[in-house]
Structure formats: structure tokens, C-alpha cells
PDB file of N, CA and C in Angstrom:
ATOM      1  N   MET A   1     127.233  54.242  86.603  1.00  0.00           N
ATOM      2  CA  MET A   1     127.758  53.373  85.569  1.00  0.00           C
ATOM      3  C   MET A   1     128.519  54.203  84.550  1.00  0.00           C
ATOM      4  N   GLY A   2     129.657  53.705  84.105  1.00  0.00           N
ATOM      5  CA  GLY A   2     130.461  54.403  83.130  1.00  0.00           C
ATOM      6  C   GLY A   2     130.127  53.998  81.710  1.00  0.00           C
ATOM      7  N   ALA A   3     131.057  54.245  80.855  1.00  0.00           N
ATOM      8  CA  ALA A   3     130.893  53.938  79.439  1.00  0.00           C
ATOM      9  C   ALA A   3     131.217  52.473  79.171  1.00  0.00           C
ATOM     10  N   ARG A   4     130.566  51.950  78.153  1.00  0.00           N
ATOM     11  CA  ARG A   4     130.854  50.589  77.704  1.00  0.00           C
ATOM     12  C   ARG A   4     131.367  50.626  76.277  1.00  0.00           C
ATOM     13  N   LEU A   5     132.475  49.959  76.068  1.00  0.00           N
ATOM     14  CA  LEU A   5     133.048  49.785  74.734  1.00  0.00           C
ATOM     15  C   LEU A   5     132.781  48.339  74.340  1.00  0.00           C
ATOM     16  N   HIS A   6     131.926  48.151  73.360  1.00  0.00           N
ATOM     17  CA  HIS A   6     131.569  46.822  72.872  1.00  0.00           C
ATOM     18  C   HIS A   6     132.417  46.542  71.633  1.00  0.00           C
ATOM     19  N   ILE A   7     133.033  45.369  71.584  1.00  0.00           N
ATOM     20  CA  ILE A   7     133.856  44.990  70.435  1.00  0.00           C
ATOM     21  C   ILE A   7     133.287  43.710  69.830  1.00  0.00           C
ATOM     22  N   CYS A   8     132.980  43.769  68.544  1.00  0.00           N
ATOM     23  CA  CYS A   8     132.434  42.610  67.836  1.00  0.00           C
ATOM     24  C   CYS A   8     133.521  41.541  67.705  1.00  0.00           C
ATOM     25  N   MET A   9     133.275  40.404  68.320  1.00  0.00           N
ATOM     26  CA  MET A   9     134.248  39.304  68.311  1.00  0.00           C
ATOM     27  C   MET A   9     134.139  38.405  67.090  1.00  0.00           C
ATOM     28  N   THR A  10     133.028  38.490  66.376  1.00  0.00           N
ATOM     29  CA  THR A  10     132.792  37.560  65.272  1.00  0.00           C
ATOM     30  C   THR A  10     133.010  38.176  63.899  1.00  0.00           C
ATOM     31  N   CYS A  11     133.375  39.447  63.861  1.00  0.00           N
ATOM     32  CA  CYS A  11     133.505  40.145  62.594  1.00  0.00           C
ATOM     33  C   CYS A  11     134.661  39.590  61.763  1.00  0.00           C
ATOM     34  N   LYS A  12     134.341  39.300  60.535  1.00  0.00           N
ATOM     35  CA  LYS A  12     135.352  38.815  59.600  1.00  0.00           C
ATOM     36  C   LYS A  12     135.758  39.897  58.613  1.00  0.00           C
ATOM     37  N   ALA A  13     135.120  41.075  58.715  1.00  0.00           N
ATOM     38  CA  ALA A  13     135.429  42.213  57.841  1.00  0.00           C
ATOM     39  C   ALA A  13     135.361  41.832  56.368  1.00  0.00           C
ATOM     40  N   GLY A  14     134.454  40.926  56.034  1.00  0.00           N
ATOM     41  CA  GLY A  14     134.272  40.526  54.641  1.00  0.00           C
ATOM     42  C   GLY A  14     135.350  39.607  54.106  1.00  0.00           C
ATOM     43  N   LEU A  15     136.201  39.104  54.972  1.00  0.00           N
ATOM     44  CA  LEU A  15     137.306  38.246  54.537  1.00  0.00           C
ATOM     45  C   LEU A  15     137.045  36.792  54.902  1.00  0.00           C
ATOM     46  N   ALA A  16     137.541  35.899  54.096  1.00  0.00           N
ATOM     47  CA  ALA A  16     137.489  34.478  54.445  1.00  0.00           C
ATOM     48  C   ALA A  16     138.514  34.229  55.540  1.00  0.00           C
ATOM     49  N   VAL A  17     138.100  33.491  56.556  1.00  0.00           N
ATOM     50  CA  VAL A  17     139.007  33.195  57.667  1.00  0.00           C
ATOM     51  C   VAL A  17     139.315  31.696  57.633  1.00  0.00           C
ATOM     52  N   PRO A  18     140.582  31.355  57.399  1.00  0.00           N
ATOM     53  CA  PRO A  18     140.950  29.938  57.373  1.00  0.00           C
ATOM     54  C   PRO A  18     140.647  29.250  58.707  1.00  0.00           C
ATOM     55  N   GLU A  19     140.303  27.998  58.632  1.00  0.00           N
ATOM     56  CA  GLU A  19     140.008  27.185  59.812  1.00  0.00           C
ATOM     57  C   GLU A  19     141.143  27.309  60.835  1.00  0.00           C
ATOM     58  N   GLY A  20     140.764  27.581  62.075  1.00  0.00           N
ATOM     59  CA  GLY A  20     141.740  27.667  63.159  1.00  0.00           C
ATOM     60  C   GLY A  20     142.381  29.029  63.337  1.00  0.00           C
ATOM     61  N   GLU A  21     142.125  29.967  62.427  1.00  0.00           N
ATOM     62  CA  GLU A  21     142.689  31.311  62.563  1.00  0.00           C
ATOM     63  C   GLU A  21     141.660  32.264  63.155  1.00  0.00           C
ATOM     64  N   ALA A  22     142.142  33.297  63.820  1.00  0.00           N
ATOM     65  CA  ALA A  22     141.258  34.277  64.444  1.00  0.00           C
ATOM     66  C   ALA A  22     140.709  35.238  63.395  1.00  0.00           C
ATOM     67  N   CYS A  23     139.448  35.611  63.557  1.00  0.00           N
ATOM     68  CA  CYS A  23     138.839  36.591  62.650  1.00  0.00           C
ATOM     69  C   CYS A  23     139.284  38.004  63.044  1.00  0.00           C
ATOM     70  N   THR A  24     138.992  38.959  62.184  1.00  0.00           N
ATOM     71  CA  THR A  24     139.402  40.347  62.408  1.00  0.00           C
ATOM     72  C   THR A  24     138.882  40.888  63.734  1.00  0.00           C
ATOM     73  N   GLY A  25     137.630  40.578  64.062  1.00  0.00           N
ATOM     74  CA  GLY A  25     137.052  41.056  65.315  1.00  0.00           C
ATOM     75  C   GLY A  25     137.793  40.524  66.530  1.00  0.00           C
ATOM     76  N   ALA A  26     138.146  39.258  66.513  1.00  0.00           N
ATOM     77  CA  ALA A  26     138.890  38.666  67.627  1.00  0.00           C
ATOM     78  C   ALA A  26     140.283  39.276  67.740  1.00  0.00           C
ATOM     79  N   LEU A  27     140.899  39.560  66.603  1.00  0.00           N
ATOM     80  CA  LEU A  27     142.219  40.210  66.629  1.00  0.00           C
ATOM     81  C   LEU A  27     142.118  41.628  67.194  1.00  0.00           C
ATOM     82  N   LEU A  28     141.044  42.331  66.831  1.00  0.00           N
ATOM     83  CA  LEU A  28     140.820  43.669  67.376  1.00  0.00           C
ATOM     84  C   LEU A  28     140.616  43.594  68.883  1.00  0.00           C
ATOM     85  N   TRP A  29     139.789  42.656  69.331  1.00  0.00           N
ATOM     86  CA  TRP A  29     139.564  42.477  70.766  1.00  0.00           C
ATOM     87  C   TRP A  29     140.896  42.249  71.492  1.00  0.00           C
ATOM     88  N   ALA A  30     141.729  41.367  70.974  1.00  0.00           N
ATOM     89  CA  ALA A  30     143.007  41.059  71.616  1.00  0.00           C
ATOM     90  C   ALA A  30     143.892  42.297  71.696  1.00  0.00           C
ATOM     91  N   ALA A  31     143.916  43.093  70.637  1.00  0.00           N
ATOM     92  CA  ALA A  31     144.750  44.304  70.623  1.00  0.00           C
ATOM     93  C   ALA A  31     144.253  45.330  71.645  1.00  0.00           C
ATOM     94  N   VAL A  32     142.945  45.504  71.735  1.00  0.00           N
ATOM     95  CA  VAL A  32     142.385  46.454  72.703  1.00  0.00           C
ATOM     96  C   VAL A  32     142.596  45.944  74.123  1.00  0.00           C
ATOM     97  N   ALA A  33     142.330  44.666  74.346  1.00  0.00           N
ATOM     98  CA  ALA A  33     142.458  44.087  75.689  1.00  0.00           C
ATOM     99  C   ALA A  33     143.896  44.088  76.193  1.00  0.00           C
ATOM    100  N   ALA A  34     144.861  44.160  75.290  1.00  0.00           N
ATOM    101  CA  ALA A  34     146.275  44.163  75.684  1.00  0.00           C
ATOM    102  C   ALA A  34     146.727  45.521  76.219  1.00  0.00           C
ATOM    103  N   LEU A  35     145.914  46.550  76.023  1.00  0.00           N
ATOM    104  CA  LEU A  35     146.263  47.898  76.470  1.00  0.00           C
ATOM    105  C   LEU A  35     145.539  48.237  77.767  1.00  0.00           C
ATOM    106  N   PRO A  36     146.059  49.207  78.536  1.00  0.00           N
ATOM    107  CA  PRO A  36     145.371  49.596  79.774  1.00  0.00           C
ATOM    108  C   PRO A  36     143.988  50.172  79.477  1.00  0.00           C
ATOM    109  N   CYS A  37     143.024  49.751  80.268  1.00  0.00           N
ATOM    110  CA  CYS A  37     141.650  50.226  80.094  1.00  0.00           C
ATOM    111  C   CYS A  37     141.522  51.618  80.714  1.00  0.00           C
ATOM    112  N   PRO A  38     140.960  52.582  79.976  1.00  0.00           N
ATOM    113  CA  PRO A  38     140.795  53.929  80.523  1.00  0.00           C
ATOM    114  C   PRO A  38     139.821  53.943  81.707  1.00  0.00           C
ATOM    115  N   GLU A  39     140.026  54.880  82.589  1.00  0.00           N
ATOM    116  CA  GLU A  39     139.133  55.057  83.723  1.00  0.00           C
ATOM    117  C   GLU A  39     137.724  55.349  83.220  1.00  0.00           C
ATOM    118  N   GLY A  40     136.746  54.711  83.836  1.00  0.00           N
ATOM    119  CA  GLY A  40     135.355  54.941  83.474  1.00  0.00           C
ATOM    120  C   GLY A  40     134.873  54.170  82.267  1.00  0.00           C
ATOM    121  N   VAL A  41     135.704  53.252  81.742  1.00  0.00           N
ATOM    122  CA  VAL A  41     135.342  52.474  80.553  1.00  0.00           C
ATOM    123  C   VAL A  41     135.376  50.986  80.893  1.00  0.00           C
ATOM    124  N   GLU A  42     134.327  50.295  80.509  1.00  0.00           N
ATOM    125  CA  GLU A  42     134.267  48.844  80.618  1.00  0.00           C
ATOM    126  C   GLU A  42     134.316  48.294  79.198  1.00  0.00           C
ATOM    127  N   ILE A  43     135.202  47.336  78.944  1.00  0.00           N
ATOM    128  CA  ILE A  43     135.352  46.760  77.609  1.00  0.00           C
ATOM    129  C   ILE A  43     134.660  45.399  77.587  1.00  0.00           C
ATOM    130  N   LEU A  44     133.721  45.256  76.655  1.00  0.00           N
ATOM    131  CA  LEU A  44     132.922  44.037  76.586  1.00  0.00           C
ATOM    132  C   LEU A  44     132.965  43.421  75.192  1.00  0.00           C
ATOM    133  N   PRO A  45     133.221  42.106  75.108  1.00  0.00           N
ATOM    134  CA  PRO A  45     133.117  41.428  73.815  1.00  0.00           C
ATOM    135  C   PRO A  45     131.653  41.146  73.513  1.00  0.00           C
ATOM    136  N   VAL A  46     131.260  41.263  72.257  1.00  0.00           N
ATOM    137  CA  VAL A  46     129.909  40.909  71.829  1.00  0.00           C
ATOM    138  C   VAL A  46     130.015  40.014  70.595  1.00  0.00           C
ATOM    139  N   ASP A  47     128.969  39.218  70.365  1.00  0.00           N
ATOM    140  CA  ASP A  47     129.003  38.287  69.243  1.00  0.00           C
ATOM    141  C   ASP A  47     128.793  38.955  67.899  1.00  0.00           C
ATOM    142  N   CYS A  48     127.990  40.005  67.834  1.00  0.00           N
ATOM    143  CA  CYS A  48     127.752  40.643  66.546  1.00  0.00           C
ATOM    144  C   CYS A  48     127.152  42.028  66.752  1.00  0.00           C
ATOM    145  N   LEU A  49     127.631  43.001  66.004  1.00  0.00           N
ATOM    146  CA  LEU A  49     127.063  44.350  66.018  1.00  0.00           C
ATOM    147  C   LEU A  49     126.269  44.625  64.741  1.00  0.00           C
ATOM    148  N   SER A  50     126.080  43.621  63.917  1.00  0.00           N
ATOM    149  CA  SER A  50     125.320  43.736  62.661  1.00  0.00           C
ATOM    150  C   SER A  50     125.848  44.837  61.750  1.00  0.00           C
ATOM    151  N   ALA A  51     127.142  44.998  61.737  1.00  0.00           N
ATOM    152  CA  ALA A  51     127.789  45.939  60.825  1.00  0.00           C
ATOM    153  C   ALA A  51     128.768  45.161  59.940  1.00  0.00           C
ATOM    154  N   CYS A  52     128.321  43.997  59.536  1.00  0.00           N
ATOM    155  CA  CYS A  52     129.191  43.045  58.846  1.00  0.00           C
ATOM    156  C   CYS A  52     129.860  43.604  57.591  1.00  0.00           C
ATOM    157  N   ASN A  53     129.187  44.467  56.865  1.00  0.00           N
ATOM    158  CA  ASN A  53     129.777  45.051  55.663  1.00  0.00           C
ATOM    159  C   ASN A  53     130.762  46.159  55.978  1.00  0.00           C
ATOM    160  N   SER A  54     130.862  46.524  57.249  1.00  0.00           N
ATOM    161  CA  SER A  54     131.752  47.611  57.663  1.00  0.00           C
ATOM    162  C   SER A  54     132.656  47.181  58.809  1.00  0.00           C
ATOM    163  N   GLY A  55     132.940  45.910  58.910  1.00  0.00           N
ATOM    164  CA  GLY A  55     133.717  45.391  60.043  1.00  0.00           C
ATOM    165  C   GLY A  55     135.173  45.735  59.944  1.00  0.00           C
ATOM    166  N   ALA A  56     135.889  45.546  61.017  1.00  0.00           N
ATOM    167  CA  ALA A  56     135.460  45.186  62.362  1.00  0.00           C
ATOM    168  C   ALA A  56     134.834  46.410  63.032  1.00  0.00           C
ATOM    169  N   SER A  57     133.879  46.124  63.920  1.00  0.00           N
ATOM    170  CA  SER A  57     133.101  47.214  64.488  1.00  0.00           C
ATOM    171  C   SER A  57     133.196  47.264  66.002  1.00  0.00           C
ATOM    172  N   VAL A  58     133.038  48.474  66.511  1.00  0.00           N
ATOM    173  CA  VAL A  58     132.962  48.707  67.947  1.00  0.00           C
ATOM    174  C   VAL A  58     131.778  49.626  68.197  1.00  0.00           C
ATOM    175  N   ALA A  59     131.266  49.610  69.414  1.00  0.00           N
ATOM    176  CA  ALA A  59     130.172  50.499  69.787  1.00  0.00           C
ATOM    177  C   ALA A  59     130.450  51.083  71.163  1.00  0.00           C
ATOM    178  N   LEU A  60     130.006  52.310  71.357  1.00  0.00           N
ATOM    179  CA  LEU A  60     130.096  52.966  72.657  1.00  0.00           C
ATOM    180  C   LEU A  60     128.691  53.233  73.154  1.00  0.00           C
ATOM    181  N   SER A  61     128.456  52.942  74.436  1.00  0.00           N
ATOM    182  CA  SER A  61     127.165  53.237  75.036  1.00  0.00           C
ATOM    183  C   SER A  61     127.355  53.637  76.489  1.00  0.00           C
ATOM    184  N   MET A  62     126.366  54.387  76.979  1.00  0.00           N
ATOM    185  CA  MET A  62     126.409  54.855  78.351  1.00  0.00           C
ATOM    186  C   MET A  62     124.989  55.276  78.729  1.00  0.00           C
ATOM    187  N   LYS A  63     124.593  54.988  79.926  1.00  0.00           N
ATOM    188  CA  LYS A  63     123.233  55.312  80.380  1.00  0.00           C
ATOM    189  C   LYS A  63     122.951  56.805  80.193  1.00  0.00           C
ATOM    190  N   GLY A  64     121.829  57.104  79.536  1.00  0.00           N
ATOM    191  CA  GLY A  64     121.410  58.481  79.331  1.00  0.00           C
ATOM    192  C   GLY A  64     122.204  59.261  78.307  1.00  0.00           C
ATOM    193  N   ALA A  65     123.008  58.557  77.515  1.00  0.00           N
ATOM    194  CA  ALA A  65     123.893  59.243  76.561  1.00  0.00           C
ATOM    195  C   ALA A  65     123.671  58.718  75.143  1.00  0.00           C
ATOM    196  N   TRP A  66     124.067  59.535  74.172  1.00  0.00           N
ATOM    197  CA  TRP A  66     124.081  59.096  72.783  1.00  0.00           C
ATOM    198  C   TRP A  66     125.047  57.916  72.663  1.00  0.00           C
ATOM    199  N   GLY A  67     124.715  56.955  71.808  1.00  0.00           N
ATOM    200  CA  GLY A  67     125.582  55.825  71.533  1.00  0.00           C
ATOM    201  C   GLY A  67     126.130  55.927  70.119  1.00  0.00           C
ATOM    202  N   TYR A  68     127.198  55.210  69.849  1.00  0.00           N
ATOM    203  CA  TYR A  68     127.856  55.252  68.541  1.00  0.00           C
ATOM    204  C   TYR A  68     128.289  53.866  68.116  1.00  0.00           C
ATOM    205  N   VAL A  69     128.289  53.627  66.811  1.00  0.00           N
ATOM    206  CA  VAL A  69     128.863  52.430  66.218  1.00  0.00           C
ATOM    207  C   VAL A  69     129.898  52.907  65.209  1.00  0.00           C
ATOM    208  N   TYR A  70     131.094  52.339  65.303  1.00  0.00           N
ATOM    209  CA  TYR A  70     132.191  52.684  64.400  1.00  0.00           C
ATOM    210  C   TYR A  70     132.648  51.430  63.673  1.00  0.00           C
ATOM    211  N   GLY A  71     132.984  51.550  62.405  1.00  0.00           N
ATOM    212  CA  GLY A  71     133.411  50.405  61.612  1.00  0.00           C
ATOM    213  C   GLY A  71     134.770  50.594  60.986  1.00  0.00           C
ATOM    214  N   ARG A  72     135.174  49.559  60.255  1.00  0.00           N
ATOM    215  CA  ARG A  72     136.466  49.529  59.577  1.00  0.00           C
ATOM    216  C   ARG A  72     137.630  49.705  60.546  1.00  0.00           C
ATOM    217  N   MET A  73     137.500  49.113  61.726  1.00  0.00           N
ATOM    218  CA  MET A  73     138.550  49.174  62.731  1.00  0.00           C
ATOM    219  C   MET A  73     139.532  48.022  62.513  1.00  0.00           C
ATOM    220  N   THR A  74     140.774  48.258  62.873  1.00  0.00           N
ATOM    221  CA  THR A  74     141.807  47.226  62.784  1.00  0.00           C
ATOM    222  C   THR A  74     142.537  47.159  64.122  1.00  0.00           C
ATOM    223  N   PRO A  75     143.283  46.093  64.360  1.00  0.00           N
ATOM    224  CA  PRO A  75     144.062  46.027  65.595  1.00  0.00           C
ATOM    225  C   PRO A  75     145.017  47.222  65.757  1.00  0.00           C
ATOM    226  N   GLU A  76     145.474  47.784  64.658  1.00  0.00           N
ATOM    227  CA  GLU A  76     146.361  48.947  64.726  1.00  0.00           C
ATOM    228  C   GLU A  76     145.649  50.181  65.286  1.00  0.00           C
ATOM    229  N   ASN A  77     144.322  50.167  65.293  1.00  0.00           N
ATOM    230  CA  ASN A  77     143.530  51.289  65.822  1.00  0.00           C
ATOM    231  C   ASN A  77     143.269  51.182  67.321  1.00  0.00           C
ATOM    232  N   ALA A  78     143.756  50.154  67.975  1.00  0.00           N
ATOM    233  CA  ALA A  78     143.408  49.888  69.380  1.00  0.00           C
ATOM    234  C   ALA A  78     143.642  51.087  70.300  1.00  0.00           C
ATOM    235  N   ALA A  79     144.790  51.724  70.209  1.00  0.00           N
ATOM    236  CA  ALA A  79     145.076  52.864  71.097  1.00  0.00           C
ATOM    237  C   ALA A  79     144.111  54.024  70.843  1.00  0.00           C
ATOM    238  N   ASP A  80     143.816  54.306  69.579  1.00  0.00           N
ATOM    239  CA  ASP A  80     142.876  55.384  69.253  1.00  0.00           C
ATOM    240  C   ASP A  80     141.457  55.045  69.698  1.00  0.00           C
ATOM    241  N   ILE A  81     141.079  53.789  69.597  1.00  0.00           N
ATOM    242  CA  ILE A  81     139.759  53.370  70.073  1.00  0.00           C
ATOM    243  C   ILE A  81     139.637  53.643  71.569  1.00  0.00           C
ATOM    244  N   LEU A  82     140.674  53.316  72.312  1.00  0.00           N
ATOM    245  CA  LEU A  82     140.640  53.554  73.758  1.00  0.00           C
ATOM    246  C   LEU A  82     140.687  55.038  74.095  1.00  0.00           C
ATOM    247  N   LEU A  83     141.405  55.836  73.312  1.00  0.00           N
ATOM    248  CA  LEU A  83     141.391  57.289  73.516  1.00  0.00           C
ATOM    249  C   LEU A  83     139.984  57.843  73.287  1.00  0.00           C
ATOM    250  N   GLY A  84     139.329  57.380  72.228  1.00  0.00           N
ATOM    251  CA  GLY A  84     137.966  57.820  71.948  1.00  0.00           C
ATOM    252  C   GLY A  84     136.996  57.383  73.027  1.00  0.00           C
ATOM    253  N   ALA A  85     137.161  56.173  73.528  1.00  0.00           N
ATOM    254  CA  ALA A  85     136.292  55.673  74.596  1.00  0.00           C
ATOM    255  C   ALA A  85     136.488  56.486  75.871  1.00  0.00           C
ATOM    256  N   ALA A  86     137.721  56.862  76.161  1.00  0.00           N
ATOM    257  CA  ALA A  86     137.995  57.681  77.349  1.00  0.00           C
ATOM    258  C   ALA A  86     137.343  59.055  77.230  1.00  0.00           C
ATOM    259  N   SER A  87     137.434  59.670  76.061  1.00  0.00           N
ATOM    260  CA  SER A  87     136.788  60.970  75.835  1.00  0.00           C
ATOM    261  C   SER A  87     135.277  60.845  75.988  1.00  0.00           C
ATOM    262  N   TYR A  88     134.719  59.798  75.439  1.00  0.00           N
ATOM    263  CA  TYR A  88     133.281  59.543  75.536  1.00  0.00           C
ATOM    264  C   TYR A  88     132.866  59.376  77.003  1.00  0.00           C
ATOM    265  N   ALA A  89     133.635  58.618  77.768  1.00  0.00           N
ATOM    266  CA  ALA A  89     133.310  58.358  79.176  1.00  0.00           C
ATOM    267  C   ALA A  89     133.304  59.629  80.013  1.00  0.00           C
ATOM    268  N   ARG A  90     134.067  60.622  79.608  1.00  0.00           N
ATOM    269  CA  ARG A  90     134.134  61.877  80.371  1.00  0.00           C
ATOM    270  C   ARG A  90     132.945  62.804  80.114  1.00  0.00           C
ATOM    271  N   THR A  91     132.089  62.452  79.160  1.00  0.00           N
ATOM    272  CA  THR A  91     130.931  63.297  78.860  1.00  0.00           C
ATOM    273  C   THR A  91     129.725  62.853  79.688  1.00  0.00           C
ATOM    274  N   ALA A  92     128.769  63.750  79.826  1.00  0.00           N
ATOM    275  CA  ALA A  92     127.514  63.406  80.501  1.00  0.00           C
ATOM    276  C   ALA A  92     126.483  62.901  79.500  1.00  0.00           C
ATOM    277  N   ASP A  93     126.619  63.327  78.248  1.00  0.00           N
ATOM    278  CA  ASP A  93     125.601  63.027  77.240  1.00  0.00           C
ATOM    279  C   ASP A  93     126.115  62.233  76.042  1.00  0.00           C
ATOM    280  N   GLY A  94     127.387  61.852  76.050  1.00  0.00           N
ATOM    281  CA  GLY A  94     127.957  61.096  74.942  1.00  0.00           C
ATOM    282  C   GLY A  94     128.425  61.929  73.774  1.00  0.00           C
ATOM    283  N   LEU A  95     128.265  63.232  73.867  1.00  0.00           N
ATOM    284  CA  LEU A  95     128.643  64.118  72.759  1.00  0.00           C
ATOM    285  C   LEU A  95     130.050  64.665  72.976  1.00  0.00           C
ATOM    286  N   VAL A  96     130.998  64.055  72.312  1.00  0.00           N
ATOM    287  CA  VAL A  96     132.397  64.485  72.374  1.00  0.00           C
ATOM    288  C   VAL A  96     132.597  65.541  71.295  1.00  0.00           C
ATOM    289  N   PRO A  97     133.154  66.706  71.641  1.00  0.00           N
ATOM    290  CA  PRO A  97     133.405  67.716  70.603  1.00  0.00           C
ATOM    291  C   PRO A  97     134.215  67.117  69.439  1.00  0.00           C
ATOM    292  N   TRP A  98     133.863  67.524  68.228  1.00  0.00           N
ATOM    293  CA  TRP A  98     134.447  66.971  67.005  1.00  0.00           C
ATOM    294  C   TRP A  98     135.966  66.892  67.056  1.00  0.00           C
ATOM    295  N   ARG A  99     136.624  67.964  67.412  1.00  0.00           N
ATOM    296  CA  ARG A  99     138.093  67.999  67.378  1.00  0.00           C
ATOM    297  C   ARG A  99     138.737  67.156  68.473  1.00  0.00           C
ATOM    298  N   GLU A 100     137.969  66.734  69.464  1.00  0.00           N
ATOM    299  CA  GLU A 100     138.505  65.890  70.537  1.00  0.00           C
ATOM    300  C   GLU A 100     138.361  64.404  70.227  1.00  0.00           C
ATOM    301  N   ARG A 101     137.711  64.089  69.113  1.00  0.00           N
ATOM    302  CA  ARG A 101     137.543  62.692  68.712  1.00  0.00           C
ATOM    303  C   ARG A 101     138.769  62.234  67.935  1.00  0.00           C
ATOM    304  N   PRO A 102     139.203  60.988  68.135  1.00  0.00           N
ATOM    305  CA  PRO A 102     140.268  60.469  67.267  1.00  0.00           C
ATOM    306  C   PRO A 102     139.795  60.508  65.809  1.00  0.00           C
ATOM    307  N   VAL A 103     140.713  60.674  64.904  1.00  0.00           N
ATOM    308  CA  VAL A 103     140.378  60.760  63.478  1.00  0.00           C
ATOM    309  C   VAL A 103     139.574  59.539  63.037  1.00  0.00           C
ATOM    310  N   ILE A 104     139.914  58.353  63.535  1.00  0.00           N
ATOM    311  CA  ILE A 104     139.160  57.163  63.118  1.00  0.00           C
ATOM    312  C   ILE A 104     137.695  57.252  63.532  1.00  0.00           C
ATOM    313  N   PHE A 105     137.391  57.936  64.630  1.00  0.00           N
ATOM    314  CA  PHE A 105     135.993  58.107  65.042  1.00  0.00           C
ATOM    315  C   PHE A 105     135.310  59.186  64.209  1.00  0.00           C
ATOM    316  N   ARG A 106     136.044  60.171  63.767  1.00  0.00           N
ATOM    317  CA  ARG A 106     135.457  61.211  62.909  1.00  0.00           C
ATOM    318  C   ARG A 106     135.089  60.644  61.542  1.00  0.00           C
ATOM    319  N   LYS A 107     135.924  59.764  61.011  1.00  0.00           N
ATOM    320  CA  LYS A 107     135.768  59.297  59.637  1.00  0.00           C
ATOM    321  C   LYS A 107     135.066  57.958  59.503  1.00  0.00           C
ATOM    322  N   GLN A 108     134.947  57.194  60.572  1.00  0.00           N
ATOM    323  CA  GLN A 108     134.449  55.837  60.454  1.00  0.00           C
ATOM    324  C   GLN A 108     133.201  55.575  61.297  1.00  0.00           C
ATOM    325  N   SER A 109     132.441  56.622  61.548  1.00  0.00           N
ATOM    326  CA  SER A 109     131.191  56.472  62.288  1.00  0.00           C
ATOM    327  C   SER A 109     130.135  55.854  61.383  1.00  0.00           C
ATOM    328  N   LEU A 110     129.480  54.806  61.871  1.00  0.00           N
ATOM    329  CA  LEU A 110     128.419  54.150  61.122  1.00  0.00           C
ATOM    330  C   LEU A 110     127.040  54.581  61.599  1.00  0.00           C
ATOM    331  N   ALA A 111     126.917  54.849  62.894  1.00  0.00           N
ATOM    332  CA  ALA A 111     125.610  55.219  63.440  1.00  0.00           C
ATOM    333  C   ALA A 111     125.775  55.981  64.740  1.00  0.00           C
ATOM    334  N   ARG A 112     124.829  56.892  64.966  1.00  0.00           N
ATOM    335  CA  ARG A 112     124.704  57.602  66.233  1.00  0.00           C
ATOM    336  C   ARG A 112     123.303  57.282  66.741  1.00  0.00           C
ATOM    337  N   ILE A 113     123.216  56.775  67.962  1.00  0.00           N
ATOM    338  CA  ILE A 113     121.963  56.255  68.499  1.00  0.00           C
ATOM    339  C   ILE A 113     121.494  57.139  69.651  1.00  0.00           C
ATOM    340  N   PRO A 114     120.244  57.630  69.576  1.00  0.00           N
ATOM    341  CA  PRO A 114     119.738  58.503  70.635  1.00  0.00           C
ATOM    342  C   PRO A 114     119.695  57.781  71.983  1.00  0.00           C
ATOM    343  N   PRO A 115     119.847  58.544  73.051  1.00  0.00           N
ATOM    344  CA  PRO A 115     119.772  57.920  74.391  1.00  0.00           C
ATOM    345  C   PRO A 115     118.351  57.466  74.702  1.00  0.00           C
ATOM    346  N   LEU A 116     118.263  56.427  75.517  1.00  0.00           N
ATOM    347  CA  LEU A 116     116.968  55.998  76.009  1.00  0.00           C
ATOM    348  C   LEU A 116     116.491  56.990  77.052  1.00  0.00           C
ATOM    349  N   GLU A 117     115.202  57.194  77.117  1.00  0.00           N
ATOM    350  CA  GLU A 117     114.663  58.088  78.130  1.00  0.00           C
ATOM    351  C   GLU A 117     114.849  57.437  79.506  1.00  0.00           C
ATOM    352  N   ALA A 118     115.089  58.260  80.510  1.00  0.00           N
ATOM    353  CA  ALA A 118     115.287  57.736  81.879  1.00  0.00           C
ATOM    354  C   ALA A 118     113.966  57.275  82.453  1.00  0.00           C
TER     355      ALA A 118
END
């Protein structure tokens, strides 16, 4: 199994969303989904990552690897999010060297989650 990129579809990033308009999370999902998916990465929409005060949020997870939650993402970050997900997918343990991470992942990390024991 490869890496999973989870994108919060319900995130409003603290903004009021007029009736009938897409929220920030849905716009982020659309921007990411419009780009080619990196090898070894599965992109999954989720209803909530519970990072509402830091939205829009994405998370990376992989069996036996450290997981991450990143916030304050925008549709303009879509290409960098996919670059970061590709780097993450190439690791065995989820630990991407600092300088190989996109700047948005270096500066906008909300949480690092230990791997589950096998």
C-alpha cells in the first residue's frame, strides 16, 4: 500500500460560505484532483480533519510510517501538496528530509503522528 493524501472537503477555513458556493476544502480538493496524481499516492476526500481553526487541511498517512496534518492550504498550493505527497510516498518511514519538503509543509505542519505498531 502506498501513501494516502486525505483532503478535508468540509473545511471553511473560518469563513462564511454563501449558500450554493463551495467551501475552501472543496475548492482545494478540486484543485488537487485536477492535477496528475503522483505515483504511489492515493488521494482521498474526507469529511473533517478536525483542524477547523487551521483550515483548509490535508493529511498524509502510510502503513508503518509517521503521519502528518498540514493546515492553511489553498487551491494555489495544489502542486506543492502533490510534490510533498510524492516525496512522502518515496519514504519507508514517512520521514522526508527537511530540505526536500515543500516550503508549505515546512511552515504549515499542524501535527506529526507516530506510526501504528505492525
